[in-house]
Amino acid sequence: IAGNKEVPLYDDRPVTHEDGFNQAHAKM
């Protein structure tokens, strides 16, 4: 039902100063 939607992905890398609030690490 949602296979064609691009979704935000997160992993377990440590937070850095470059990361925005809830900023995704990848998309798929």
mmCIF file of all heavy atoms, coordinates in Angstrom:
data_MODEL
# 
_entry.id   MODEL 
# 
loop_
_atom_site.group_PDB 
_atom_site.id 
_atom_site.type_symbol 
_atom_site.label_atom_id 
_atom_site.label_alt_id 
_atom_site.label_comp_id 
_atom_site.label_asym_id 
_atom_site.label_entity_id 
_atom_site.label_seq_id 
_atom_site.pdbx_PDB_ins_code 
_atom_site.Cartn_x 
_atom_site.Cartn_y 
_atom_site.Cartn_z 
_atom_site.occupancy 
_atom_site.B_iso_or_equiv 
_atom_site.pdbx_formal_charge 
_atom_site.auth_seq_id 
_atom_site.auth_comp_id 
_atom_site.auth_asym_id 
_atom_site.auth_atom_id 
_atom_site.pdbx_PDB_model_num 
ATOM 1   N N   . ILE A 1 1  ? 0.808  -1.225 0.000  1.00 0.00 ? 1  ILE A N   1 
ATOM 2   C CA  . ILE A 1 1  ? 0.000  0.000  0.000  1.00 0.00 ? 1  ILE A CA  1 
ATOM 3   C C   . ILE A 1 1  ? 0.840  1.275  0.000  1.00 0.00 ? 1  ILE A C   1 
ATOM 4   O O   . ILE A 1 1  ? 0.367  2.340  -0.393 1.00 0.00 ? 1  ILE A O   1 
ATOM 5   C CB  . ILE A 1 1  ? -0.976 -0.012 1.200  1.00 0.00 ? 1  ILE A CB  1 
ATOM 6   C CG1 . ILE A 1 1  ? -2.127 0.973  0.956  1.00 0.00 ? 1  ILE A CG1 1 
ATOM 7   C CG2 . ILE A 1 1  ? -0.264 0.289  2.510  1.00 0.00 ? 1  ILE A CG2 1 
ATOM 8   C CD1 . ILE A 1 1  ? -3.276 0.803  1.916  1.00 0.00 ? 1  ILE A CD1 1 
ATOM 9   N N   . ALA A 1 2  ? 2.102  1.175  0.434  1.00 0.00 ? 2  ALA A N   1 
ATOM 10  C CA  . ALA A 1 2  ? 2.939  2.380  0.542  1.00 0.00 ? 2  ALA A CA  1 
ATOM 11  C C   . ALA A 1 2  ? 4.313  2.182  -0.081 1.00 0.00 ? 2  ALA A C   1 
ATOM 12  O O   . ALA A 1 2  ? 5.230  2.961  0.187  1.00 0.00 ? 2  ALA A O   1 
ATOM 13  C CB  . ALA A 1 2  ? 3.093  2.762  2.013  1.00 0.00 ? 2  ALA A CB  1 
ATOM 14  N N   . GLY A 1 3  ? 4.451  1.171  -0.922 1.00 0.00 ? 3  GLY A N   1 
ATOM 15  C CA  . GLY A 1 3  ? 5.762  0.808  -1.445 1.00 0.00 ? 3  GLY A CA  1 
ATOM 16  C C   . GLY A 1 3  ? 6.472  1.886  -2.238 1.00 0.00 ? 3  GLY A C   1 
ATOM 17  O O   . GLY A 1 3  ? 7.707  1.948  -2.271 1.00 0.00 ? 3  GLY A O   1 
ATOM 18  N N   . ASN A 1 4  ? 5.711  2.784  -2.875 1.00 0.00 ? 4  ASN A N   1 
ATOM 19  C CA  . ASN A 1 4  ? 6.323  3.816  -3.714 1.00 0.00 ? 4  ASN A CA  1 
ATOM 20  C C   . ASN A 1 4  ? 6.688  5.076  -2.943 1.00 0.00 ? 4  ASN A C   1 
ATOM 21  O O   . ASN A 1 4  ? 7.239  6.020  -3.517 1.00 0.00 ? 4  ASN A O   1 
ATOM 22  C CB  . ASN A 1 4  ? 5.392  4.177  -4.872 1.00 0.00 ? 4  ASN A CB  1 
ATOM 23  C CG  . ASN A 1 4  ? 4.100  4.836  -4.397 1.00 0.00 ? 4  ASN A CG  1 
ATOM 24  O OD1 . ASN A 1 4  ? 3.663  4.584  -3.276 1.00 0.00 ? 4  ASN A OD1 1 
ATOM 25  N ND2 . ASN A 1 4  ? 3.499  5.658  -5.232 1.00 0.00 ? 4  ASN A ND2 1 
ATOM 26  N N   . LYS A 1 5  ? 6.389  5.132  -1.647 1.00 0.00 ? 5  LYS A N   1 
ATOM 27  C CA  . LYS A 1 5  ? 6.674  6.314  -0.844 1.00 0.00 ? 5  LYS A CA  1 
ATOM 28  C C   . LYS A 1 5  ? 8.143  6.318  -0.395 1.00 0.00 ? 5  LYS A C   1 
ATOM 29  O O   . LYS A 1 5  ? 8.670  5.292  0.032  1.00 0.00 ? 5  LYS A O   1 
ATOM 30  C CB  . LYS A 1 5  ? 5.775  6.374  0.394  1.00 0.00 ? 5  LYS A CB  1 
ATOM 31  C CG  . LYS A 1 5  ? 4.284  6.362  0.073  1.00 0.00 ? 5  LYS A CG  1 
ATOM 32  C CD  . LYS A 1 5  ? 3.875  7.570  -0.763 1.00 0.00 ? 5  LYS A CD  1 
ATOM 33  C CE  . LYS A 1 5  ? 2.386  7.556  -1.070 1.00 0.00 ? 5  LYS A CE  1 
ATOM 34  N NZ  . LYS A 1 5  ? 1.973  8.701  -1.920 1.00 0.00 ? 5  LYS A NZ  1 
ATOM 35  N N   . GLU A 1 6  ? 8.778  7.470  -0.509 1.00 0.00 ? 6  GLU A N   1 
ATOM 36  C CA  . GLU A 1 6  ? 10.145 7.606  -0.014 1.00 0.00 ? 6  GLU A CA  1 
ATOM 37  C C   . GLU A 1 6  ? 10.093 7.905  1.478  1.00 0.00 ? 6  GLU A C   1 
ATOM 38  O O   . GLU A 1 6  ? 9.391  8.823  1.909  1.00 0.00 ? 6  GLU A O   1 
ATOM 39  C CB  . GLU A 1 6  ? 10.872 8.724  -0.751 1.00 0.00 ? 6  GLU A CB  1 
ATOM 40  C CG  . GLU A 1 6  ? 12.350 8.788  -0.429 1.00 0.00 ? 6  GLU A CG  1 
ATOM 41  C CD  . GLU A 1 6  ? 13.086 9.799  -1.285 1.00 0.00 ? 6  GLU A CD  1 
ATOM 42  O OE1 . GLU A 1 6  ? 12.843 11.012 -1.092 1.00 0.00 ? 6  GLU A OE1 1 
ATOM 43  O OE2 . GLU A 1 6  ? 13.889 9.392  -2.147 1.00 0.00 ? 6  GLU A OE2 1 
ATOM 44  N N   . VAL A 1 7  ? 10.830 7.135  2.280  1.00 0.00 ? 7  VAL A N   1 
ATOM 45  C CA  . VAL A 1 7  ? 10.730 7.251  3.731  1.00 0.00 ? 7  VAL A CA  1 
ATOM 46  C C   . VAL A 1 7  ? 12.077 7.644  4.334  1.00 0.00 ? 7  VAL A C   1 
ATOM 47  O O   . VAL A 1 7  ? 13.139 7.284  3.818  1.00 0.00 ? 7  VAL A O   1 
ATOM 48  C CB  . VAL A 1 7  ? 10.241 5.927  4.357  1.00 0.00 ? 7  VAL A CB  1 
ATOM 49  C CG1 . VAL A 1 7  ? 8.807  5.639  3.919  1.00 0.00 ? 7  VAL A CG1 1 
ATOM 50  C CG2 . VAL A 1 7  ? 11.142 4.754  3.993  1.00 0.00 ? 7  VAL A CG2 1 
ATOM 51  N N   . PRO A 1 8  ? 12.048 8.397  5.438  1.00 0.00 ? 8  PRO A N   1 
ATOM 52  C CA  . PRO A 1 8  ? 13.287 8.786  6.126  1.00 0.00 ? 8  PRO A CA  1 
ATOM 53  C C   . PRO A 1 8  ? 13.794 7.644  6.992  1.00 0.00 ? 8  PRO A C   1 
ATOM 54  O O   . PRO A 1 8  ? 13.012 6.956  7.657  1.00 0.00 ? 8  PRO A O   1 
ATOM 55  C CB  . PRO A 1 8  ? 12.843 9.975  6.980  1.00 0.00 ? 8  PRO A CB  1 
ATOM 56  C CG  . PRO A 1 8  ? 11.397 9.691  7.276  1.00 0.00 ? 8  PRO A CG  1 
ATOM 57  C CD  . PRO A 1 8  ? 10.848 8.980  6.061  1.00 0.00 ? 8  PRO A CD  1 
ATOM 58  N N   . LEU A 1 9  ? 15.102 7.436  6.992  1.00 0.00 ? 9  LEU A N   1 
ATOM 59  C CA  . LEU A 1 9  ? 15.712 6.349  7.756  1.00 0.00 ? 9  LEU A CA  1 
ATOM 60  C C   . LEU A 1 9  ? 16.740 6.899  8.748  1.00 0.00 ? 9  LEU A C   1 
ATOM 61  O O   . LEU A 1 9  ? 17.446 7.867  8.453  1.00 0.00 ? 9  LEU A O   1 
ATOM 62  C CB  . LEU A 1 9  ? 16.397 5.358  6.821  1.00 0.00 ? 9  LEU A CB  1 
ATOM 63  C CG  . LEU A 1 9  ? 15.504 4.693  5.765  1.00 0.00 ? 9  LEU A CG  1 
ATOM 64  C CD1 . LEU A 1 9  ? 16.343 3.799  4.859  1.00 0.00 ? 9  LEU A CD1 1 
ATOM 65  C CD2 . LEU A 1 9  ? 14.389 3.886  6.414  1.00 0.00 ? 9  LEU A CD2 1 
ATOM 66  N N   . TYR A 1 10 ? 16.811 6.235  9.889  1.00 0.00 ? 10 TYR A N   1 
ATOM 67  C CA  . TYR A 1 10 ? 17.746 6.616  10.949 1.00 0.00 ? 10 TYR A CA  1 
ATOM 68  C C   . TYR A 1 10 ? 18.555 5.380  11.339 1.00 0.00 ? 10 TYR A C   1 
ATOM 69  O O   . TYR A 1 10 ? 18.054 4.257  11.275 1.00 0.00 ? 10 TYR A O   1 
ATOM 70  C CB  . TYR A 1 10 ? 17.001 7.133  12.180 1.00 0.00 ? 10 TYR A CB  1 
ATOM 71  C CG  . TYR A 1 10 ? 16.126 8.336  11.900 1.00 0.00 ? 10 TYR A CG  1 
ATOM 72  C CD1 . TYR A 1 10 ? 14.858 8.176  11.326 1.00 0.00 ? 10 TYR A CD1 1 
ATOM 73  C CD2 . TYR A 1 10 ? 16.546 9.623  12.195 1.00 0.00 ? 10 TYR A CD2 1 
ATOM 74  C CE1 . TYR A 1 10 ? 14.048 9.276  11.056 1.00 0.00 ? 10 TYR A CE1 1 
ATOM 75  C CE2 . TYR A 1 10 ? 15.749 10.722 11.930 1.00 0.00 ? 10 TYR A CE2 1 
ATOM 76  C CZ  . TYR A 1 10 ? 14.500 10.545 11.363 1.00 0.00 ? 10 TYR A CZ  1 
ATOM 77  O OH  . TYR A 1 10 ? 13.700 11.627 11.093 1.00 0.00 ? 10 TYR A OH  1 
ATOM 78  N N   . ASP A 1 11 ? 19.798 5.597  11.762 1.00 0.00 ? 11 ASP A N   1 
ATOM 79  C CA  . ASP A 1 11 ? 20.578 4.476  12.291 1.00 0.00 ? 11 ASP A CA  1 
ATOM 80  C C   . ASP A 1 11 ? 21.066 4.841  13.690 1.00 0.00 ? 11 ASP A C   1 
ATOM 81  O O   . ASP A 1 11 ? 20.602 5.811  14.288 1.00 0.00 ? 11 ASP A O   1 
ATOM 82  C CB  . ASP A 1 11 ? 21.717 4.089  11.343 1.00 0.00 ? 11 ASP A CB  1 
ATOM 83  C CG  . ASP A 1 11 ? 22.679 5.244  11.073 1.00 0.00 ? 11 ASP A CG  1 
ATOM 84  O OD1 . ASP A 1 11 ? 22.817 6.136  11.938 1.00 0.00 ? 11 ASP A OD1 1 
ATOM 85  O OD2 . ASP A 1 11 ? 23.299 5.256  9.988  1.00 0.00 ? 11 ASP A OD2 1 
ATOM 86  N N   . ASP A 1 12 ? 22.029 4.050  14.211 1.00 0.00 ? 12 ASP A N   1 
ATOM 87  C CA  . ASP A 1 12 ? 22.444 4.248  15.598 1.00 0.00 ? 12 ASP A CA  1 
ATOM 88  C C   . ASP A 1 12 ? 23.751 5.012  15.726 1.00 0.00 ? 12 ASP A C   1 
ATOM 89  O O   . ASP A 1 12 ? 24.444 4.902  16.732 1.00 0.00 ? 12 ASP A O   1 
ATOM 90  C CB  . ASP A 1 12 ? 22.551 2.897  16.313 1.00 0.00 ? 12 ASP A CB  1 
ATOM 91  C CG  . ASP A 1 12 ? 23.492 1.933  15.599 1.00 0.00 ? 12 ASP A CG  1 
ATOM 92  O OD1 . ASP A 1 12 ? 24.066 2.296  14.554 1.00 0.00 ? 12 ASP A OD1 1 
ATOM 93  O OD2 . ASP A 1 12 ? 23.654 0.796  16.092 1.00 0.00 ? 12 ASP A OD2 1 
ATOM 94  N N   . ARG A 1 13 ? 24.118 5.803  14.719 1.00 0.00 ? 13 ARG A N   1 
ATOM 95  C CA  . ARG A 1 13 ? 25.345 6.588  14.824 1.00 0.00 ? 13 ARG A CA  1 
ATOM 96  C C   . ARG A 1 13 ? 25.194 7.652  15.919 1.00 0.00 ? 13 ARG A C   1 
ATOM 97  O O   . ARG A 1 13 ? 24.097 8.166  16.158 1.00 0.00 ? 13 ARG A O   1 
ATOM 98  C CB  . ARG A 1 13 ? 25.674 7.259  13.492 1.00 0.00 ? 13 ARG A CB  1 
ATOM 99  C CG  . ARG A 1 13 ? 24.750 8.399  13.104 1.00 0.00 ? 13 ARG A CG  1 
ATOM 100 C CD  . ARG A 1 13 ? 25.012 8.926  11.719 1.00 0.00 ? 13 ARG A CD  1 
ATOM 101 N NE  . ARG A 1 13 ? 24.617 7.970  10.697 1.00 0.00 ? 13 ARG A NE  1 
ATOM 102 C CZ  . ARG A 1 13 ? 24.678 8.212  9.384  1.00 0.00 ? 13 ARG A CZ  1 
ATOM 103 N NH1 . ARG A 1 13 ? 25.118 9.388  8.948  1.00 0.00 ? 13 ARG A NH1 1 
ATOM 104 N NH2 . ARG A 1 13 ? 24.307 7.299  8.515  1.00 0.00 ? 13 ARG A NH2 1 
ATOM 105 N N   . PRO A 1 14 ? 26.289 7.995  16.613 1.00 0.00 ? 14 PRO A N   1 
ATOM 106 C CA  . PRO A 1 14 ? 26.209 9.028  17.661 1.00 0.00 ? 14 PRO A CA  1 
ATOM 107 C C   . PRO A 1 14 ? 25.808 10.382 17.086 1.00 0.00 ? 14 PRO A C   1 
ATOM 108 O O   . PRO A 1 14 ? 26.109 10.701 15.929 1.00 0.00 ? 14 PRO A O   1 
ATOM 109 C CB  . PRO A 1 14 ? 27.640 9.076  18.218 1.00 0.00 ? 14 PRO A CB  1 
ATOM 110 C CG  . PRO A 1 14 ? 28.267 7.782  17.818 1.00 0.00 ? 14 PRO A CG  1 
ATOM 111 C CD  . PRO A 1 14 ? 27.625 7.399  16.518 1.00 0.00 ? 14 PRO A CD  1 
ATOM 112 N N   . VAL A 1 15 ? 25.117 11.163 17.893 1.00 0.00 ? 15 VAL A N   1 
ATOM 113 C CA  . VAL A 1 15 ? 24.728 12.509 17.487 1.00 0.00 ? 15 VAL A CA  1 
ATOM 114 C C   . VAL A 1 15 ? 25.970 13.376 17.299 1.00 0.00 ? 15 VAL A C   1 
ATOM 115 O O   . VAL A 1 15 ? 26.914 13.322 18.099 1.00 0.00 ? 15 VAL A O   1 
ATOM 116 C CB  . VAL A 1 15 ? 23.804 13.137 18.554 1.00 0.00 ? 15 VAL A CB  1 
ATOM 117 C CG1 . VAL A 1 15 ? 23.565 14.617 18.262 1.00 0.00 ? 15 VAL A CG1 1 
ATOM 118 C CG2 . VAL A 1 15 ? 22.480 12.398 18.601 1.00 0.00 ? 15 VAL A CG2 1 
ATOM 119 N N   . THR A 1 16 ? 26.000 14.177 16.240 1.00 0.00 ? 16 THR A N   1 
ATOM 120 C CA  . THR A 1 16 ? 27.065 15.149 16.032 1.00 0.00 ? 16 THR A CA  1 
ATOM 121 C C   . THR A 1 16 ? 26.443 16.543 15.925 1.00 0.00 ? 16 THR A C   1 
ATOM 122 O O   . THR A 1 16 ? 25.230 16.690 15.792 1.00 0.00 ? 16 THR A O   1 
ATOM 123 C CB  . THR A 1 16 ? 27.877 14.856 14.755 1.00 0.00 ? 16 THR A CB  1 
ATOM 124 O OG1 . THR A 1 16 ? 27.073 15.179 13.599 1.00 0.00 ? 16 THR A OG1 1 
ATOM 125 C CG2 . THR A 1 16 ? 28.301 13.401 14.696 1.00 0.00 ? 16 THR A CG2 1 
ATOM 126 N N   . HIS A 1 17 ? 27.300 17.561 15.950 1.00 0.00 ? 17 HIS A N   1 
ATOM 127 C CA  . HIS A 1 17 ? 26.808 18.936 15.882 1.00 0.00 ? 17 HIS A CA  1 
ATOM 128 C C   . HIS A 1 17 ? 26.161 19.249 14.537 1.00 0.00 ? 17 HIS A C   1 
ATOM 129 O O   . HIS A 1 17 ? 25.414 20.217 14.409 1.00 0.00 ? 17 HIS A O   1 
ATOM 130 C CB  . HIS A 1 17 ? 27.958 19.918 16.141 1.00 0.00 ? 17 HIS A CB  1 
ATOM 131 C CG  . HIS A 1 17 ? 28.950 20.003 15.024 1.00 0.00 ? 17 HIS A CG  1 
ATOM 132 N ND1 . HIS A 1 17 ? 29.893 19.027 14.787 1.00 0.00 ? 17 HIS A ND1 1 
ATOM 133 C CD2 . HIS A 1 17 ? 29.134 20.945 14.055 1.00 0.00 ? 17 HIS A CD2 1 
ATOM 134 C CE1 . HIS A 1 17 ? 30.629 19.361 13.739 1.00 0.00 ? 17 HIS A CE1 1 
ATOM 135 N NE2 . HIS A 1 17 ? 30.195 20.532 13.279 1.00 0.00 ? 17 HIS A NE2 1 
ATOM 136 N N   . GLU A 1 18 ? 26.452 18.425 13.531 1.00 0.00 ? 18 GLU A N   1 
ATOM 137 C CA  . GLU A 1 18 ? 25.905 18.674 12.196 1.00 0.00 ? 18 GLU A CA  1 
ATOM 138 C C   . GLU A 1 18 ? 24.485 18.139 12.036 1.00 0.00 ? 18 GLU A C   1 
ATOM 139 O O   . GLU A 1 18 ? 23.804 18.473 11.067 1.00 0.00 ? 18 GLU A O   1 
ATOM 140 C CB  . GLU A 1 18 ? 26.817 18.035 11.138 1.00 0.00 ? 18 GLU A CB  1 
ATOM 141 C CG  . GLU A 1 18 ? 28.216 18.647 11.103 1.00 0.00 ? 18 GLU A CG  1 
ATOM 142 C CD  . GLU A 1 18 ? 29.120 17.939 10.117 1.00 0.00 ? 18 GLU A CD  1 
ATOM 143 O OE1 . GLU A 1 18 ? 28.776 16.813 9.708  1.00 0.00 ? 18 GLU A OE1 1 
ATOM 144 O OE2 . GLU A 1 18 ? 30.167 18.506 9.762  1.00 0.00 ? 18 GLU A OE2 1 
ATOM 145 N N   . ASP A 1 19 ? 24.051 17.319 12.966 1.00 0.00 ? 19 ASP A N   1 
ATOM 146 C CA  . ASP A 1 19 ? 22.713 16.733 12.873 1.00 0.00 ? 19 ASP A CA  1 
ATOM 147 C C   . ASP A 1 19 ? 21.653 17.729 13.311 1.00 0.00 ? 19 ASP A C   1 
ATOM 148 O O   . ASP A 1 19 ? 21.738 18.305 14.402 1.00 0.00 ? 19 ASP A O   1 
ATOM 149 C CB  . ASP A 1 19 ? 22.602 15.476 13.755 1.00 0.00 ? 19 ASP A CB  1 
ATOM 150 C CG  . ASP A 1 19 ? 23.518 14.364 13.290 1.00 0.00 ? 19 ASP A CG  1 
ATOM 151 O OD1 . ASP A 1 19 ? 23.704 14.238 12.075 1.00 0.00 ? 19 ASP A OD1 1 
ATOM 152 O OD2 . ASP A 1 19 ? 24.055 13.639 14.149 1.00 0.00 ? 19 ASP A OD2 1 
ATOM 153 N N   . GLY A 1 20 ? 20.646 17.940 12.473 1.00 0.00 ? 20 GLY A N   1 
ATOM 154 C CA  . GLY A 1 20 ? 19.500 18.740 12.879 1.00 0.00 ? 20 GLY A CA  1 
ATOM 155 C C   . GLY A 1 20 ? 18.572 17.920 13.752 1.00 0.00 ? 20 GLY A C   1 
ATOM 156 O O   . GLY A 1 20 ? 18.725 16.697 13.887 1.00 0.00 ? 20 GLY A O   1 
ATOM 157 N N   . PHE A 1 21 ? 17.582 18.572 14.357 1.00 0.00 ? 21 PHE A N   1 
ATOM 158 C CA  . PHE A 1 21 ? 16.648 17.871 15.232 1.00 0.00 ? 21 PHE A CA  1 
ATOM 159 C C   . PHE A 1 21 ? 15.851 16.859 14.420 1.00 0.00 ? 21 PHE A C   1 
ATOM 160 O O   . PHE A 1 21 ? 15.165 17.213 13.461 1.00 0.00 ? 21 PHE A O   1 
ATOM 161 C CB  . PHE A 1 21 ? 15.710 18.872 15.912 1.00 0.00 ? 21 PHE A CB  1 
ATOM 162 C CG  . PHE A 1 21 ? 14.807 18.257 16.941 1.00 0.00 ? 21 PHE A CG  1 
ATOM 163 C CD1 . PHE A 1 21 ? 15.290 17.938 18.195 1.00 0.00 ? 21 PHE A CD1 1 
ATOM 164 C CD2 . PHE A 1 21 ? 13.478 17.988 16.660 1.00 0.00 ? 21 PHE A CD2 1 
ATOM 165 C CE1 . PHE A 1 21 ? 14.457 17.368 19.150 1.00 0.00 ? 21 PHE A CE1 1 
ATOM 166 C CE2 . PHE A 1 21 ? 12.645 17.422 17.598 1.00 0.00 ? 21 PHE A CE2 1 
ATOM 167 C CZ  . PHE A 1 21 ? 13.144 17.108 18.847 1.00 0.00 ? 21 PHE A CZ  1 
ATOM 168 N N   . ASN A 1 22 ? 15.976 15.566 14.784 1.00 0.00 ? 22 ASN A N   1 
ATOM 169 C CA  . ASN A 1 22 ? 15.293 14.478 14.076 1.00 0.00 ? 22 ASN A CA  1 
ATOM 170 C C   . ASN A 1 22 ? 15.623 14.454 12.581 1.00 0.00 ? 22 ASN A C   1 
ATOM 171 O O   . ASN A 1 22 ? 14.773 14.116 11.743 1.00 0.00 ? 22 ASN A O   1 
ATOM 172 C CB  . ASN A 1 22 ? 13.777 14.556 14.272 1.00 0.00 ? 22 ASN A CB  1 
ATOM 173 C CG  . ASN A 1 22 ? 13.345 13.953 15.606 1.00 0.00 ? 22 ASN A CG  1 
ATOM 174 O OD1 . ASN A 1 22 ? 14.107 13.243 16.249 1.00 0.00 ? 22 ASN A OD1 1 
ATOM 175 N ND2 . ASN A 1 22 ? 12.131 14.250 16.009 1.00 0.00 ? 22 ASN A ND2 1 
ATOM 176 N N   . GLN A 1 23 ? 16.850 14.800 12.232 1.00 0.00 ? 23 GLN A N   1 
ATOM 177 C CA  . GLN A 1 23 ? 17.266 14.789 10.832 1.00 0.00 ? 23 GLN A CA  1 
ATOM 178 C C   . GLN A 1 23 ? 17.587 13.369 10.385 1.00 0.00 ? 23 GLN A C   1 
ATOM 179 O O   . GLN A 1 23 ? 18.349 12.654 11.028 1.00 0.00 ? 23 GLN A O   1 
ATOM 180 C CB  . GLN A 1 23 ? 18.498 15.678 10.634 1.00 0.00 ? 23 GLN A CB  1 
ATOM 181 C CG  . GLN A 1 23 ? 19.001 15.735 9.205  1.00 0.00 ? 23 GLN A CG  1 
ATOM 182 C CD  . GLN A 1 23 ? 20.207 16.646 9.063  1.00 0.00 ? 23 GLN A CD  1 
ATOM 183 O OE1 . GLN A 1 23 ? 20.434 17.510 9.900  1.00 0.00 ? 23 GLN A OE1 1 
ATOM 184 N NE2 . GLN A 1 23 ? 20.990 16.443 8.023  1.00 0.00 ? 23 GLN A NE2 1 
ATOM 185 N N   . ALA A 1 24 ? 16.997 12.947 9.268  1.00 0.00 ? 24 ALA A N   1 
ATOM 186 C CA  . ALA A 1 24 ? 17.196 11.577 8.776  1.00 0.00 ? 24 ALA A CA  1 
ATOM 187 C C   . ALA A 1 24 ? 18.617 11.374 8.277  1.00 0.00 ? 24 ALA A C   1 
ATOM 188 O O   . ALA A 1 24 ? 19.285 12.313 7.811  1.00 0.00 ? 24 ALA A O   1 
ATOM 189 C CB  . ALA A 1 24 ? 16.206 11.281 7.661  1.00 0.00 ? 24 ALA A CB  1 
ATOM 190 N N   . HIS A 1 25 ? 19.099 10.129 8.359  1.00 0.00 ? 25 HIS A N   1 
ATOM 191 C CA  . HIS A 1 25 ? 20.438 9.780  7.889  1.00 0.00 ? 25 HIS A CA  1 
ATOM 192 C C   . HIS A 1 25 ? 20.430 9.264  6.456  1.00 0.00 ? 25 HIS A C   1 
ATOM 193 O O   . HIS A 1 25 ? 21.459 9.237  5.793  1.00 0.00 ? 25 HIS A O   1 
ATOM 194 C CB  . HIS A 1 25 ? 21.048 8.711  8.807  1.00 0.00 ? 25 HIS A CB  1 
ATOM 195 C CG  . HIS A 1 25 ? 21.191 9.162  10.227 1.00 0.00 ? 25 HIS A CG  1 
ATOM 196 N ND1 . HIS A 1 25 ? 20.857 8.372  11.301 1.00 0.00 ? 25 HIS A ND1 1 
ATOM 197 C CD2 . HIS A 1 25 ? 21.621 10.346 10.749 1.00 0.00 ? 25 HIS A CD2 1 
ATOM 198 C CE1 . HIS A 1 25 ? 21.087 9.035  12.427 1.00 0.00 ? 25 HIS A CE1 1 
ATOM 199 N NE2 . HIS A 1 25 ? 21.546 10.226 12.114 1.00 0.00 ? 25 HIS A NE2 1 
ATOM 200 N N   . ALA A 1 26 ? 19.285 8.816  5.989  1.00 0.00 ? 26 ALA A N   1 
ATOM 201 C CA  . ALA A 1 26 ? 19.175 8.287  4.618  1.00 0.00 ? 26 ALA A CA  1 
ATOM 202 C C   . ALA A 1 26 ? 17.695 8.262  4.227  1.00 0.00 ? 26 ALA A C   1 
ATOM 203 O O   . ALA A 1 26 ? 16.809 8.487  5.064  1.00 0.00 ? 26 ALA A O   1 
ATOM 204 C CB  . ALA A 1 26 ? 19.767 6.879  4.537  1.00 0.00 ? 26 ALA A CB  1 
ATOM 205 N N   . LYS A 1 27 ? 17.443 7.984  2.942  1.00 0.00 ? 27 LYS A N   1 
ATOM 206 C CA  . LYS A 1 27 ? 16.075 7.829  2.450  1.00 0.00 ? 27 LYS A CA  1 
ATOM 207 C C   . LYS A 1 27 ? 16.022 6.631  1.513  1.00 0.00 ? 27 LYS A C   1 
ATOM 208 O O   . LYS A 1 27 ? 17.020 6.263  0.906  1.00 0.00 ? 27 LYS A O   1 
ATOM 209 C CB  . LYS A 1 27 ? 15.609 9.096  1.727  1.00 0.00 ? 27 LYS A CB  1 
ATOM 210 C CG  . LYS A 1 27 ? 15.445 10.301 2.632  1.00 0.00 ? 27 LYS A CG  1 
ATOM 211 C CD  . LYS A 1 27 ? 14.906 11.506 1.877  1.00 0.00 ? 27 LYS A CD  1 
ATOM 212 C CE  . LYS A 1 27 ? 14.712 12.687 2.815  1.00 0.00 ? 27 LYS A CE  1 
ATOM 213 N NZ  . LYS A 1 27 ? 14.180 13.876 2.099  1.00 0.00 ? 27 LYS A NZ  1 
ATOM 214 N N   . MET A 1 28 ? 14.813 6.033  1.430  1.00 0.00 ? 28 MET A N   1 
ATOM 215 C CA  . MET A 1 28 ? 14.666 4.825  0.623  1.00 0.00 ? 28 MET A CA  1 
ATOM 216 C C   . MET A 1 28 ? 13.184 4.653  0.307  1.00 0.00 ? 28 MET A C   1 
ATOM 217 O O   . MET A 1 28 ? 12.328 5.103  1.067  1.00 0.00 ? 28 MET A O   1 
ATOM 218 C CB  . MET A 1 28 ? 15.194 3.615  1.411  1.00 0.00 ? 28 MET A CB  1 
ATOM 219 C CG  . MET A 1 28 ? 15.267 2.303  0.663  1.00 0.00 ? 28 MET A CG  1 
ATOM 220 S SD  . MET A 1 28 ? 15.893 0.947  1.741  1.00 0.00 ? 28 MET A SD  1 
ATOM 221 C CE  . MET A 1 28 ? 17.578 1.471  2.035  1.00 0.00 ? 28 MET A CE  1 
# 
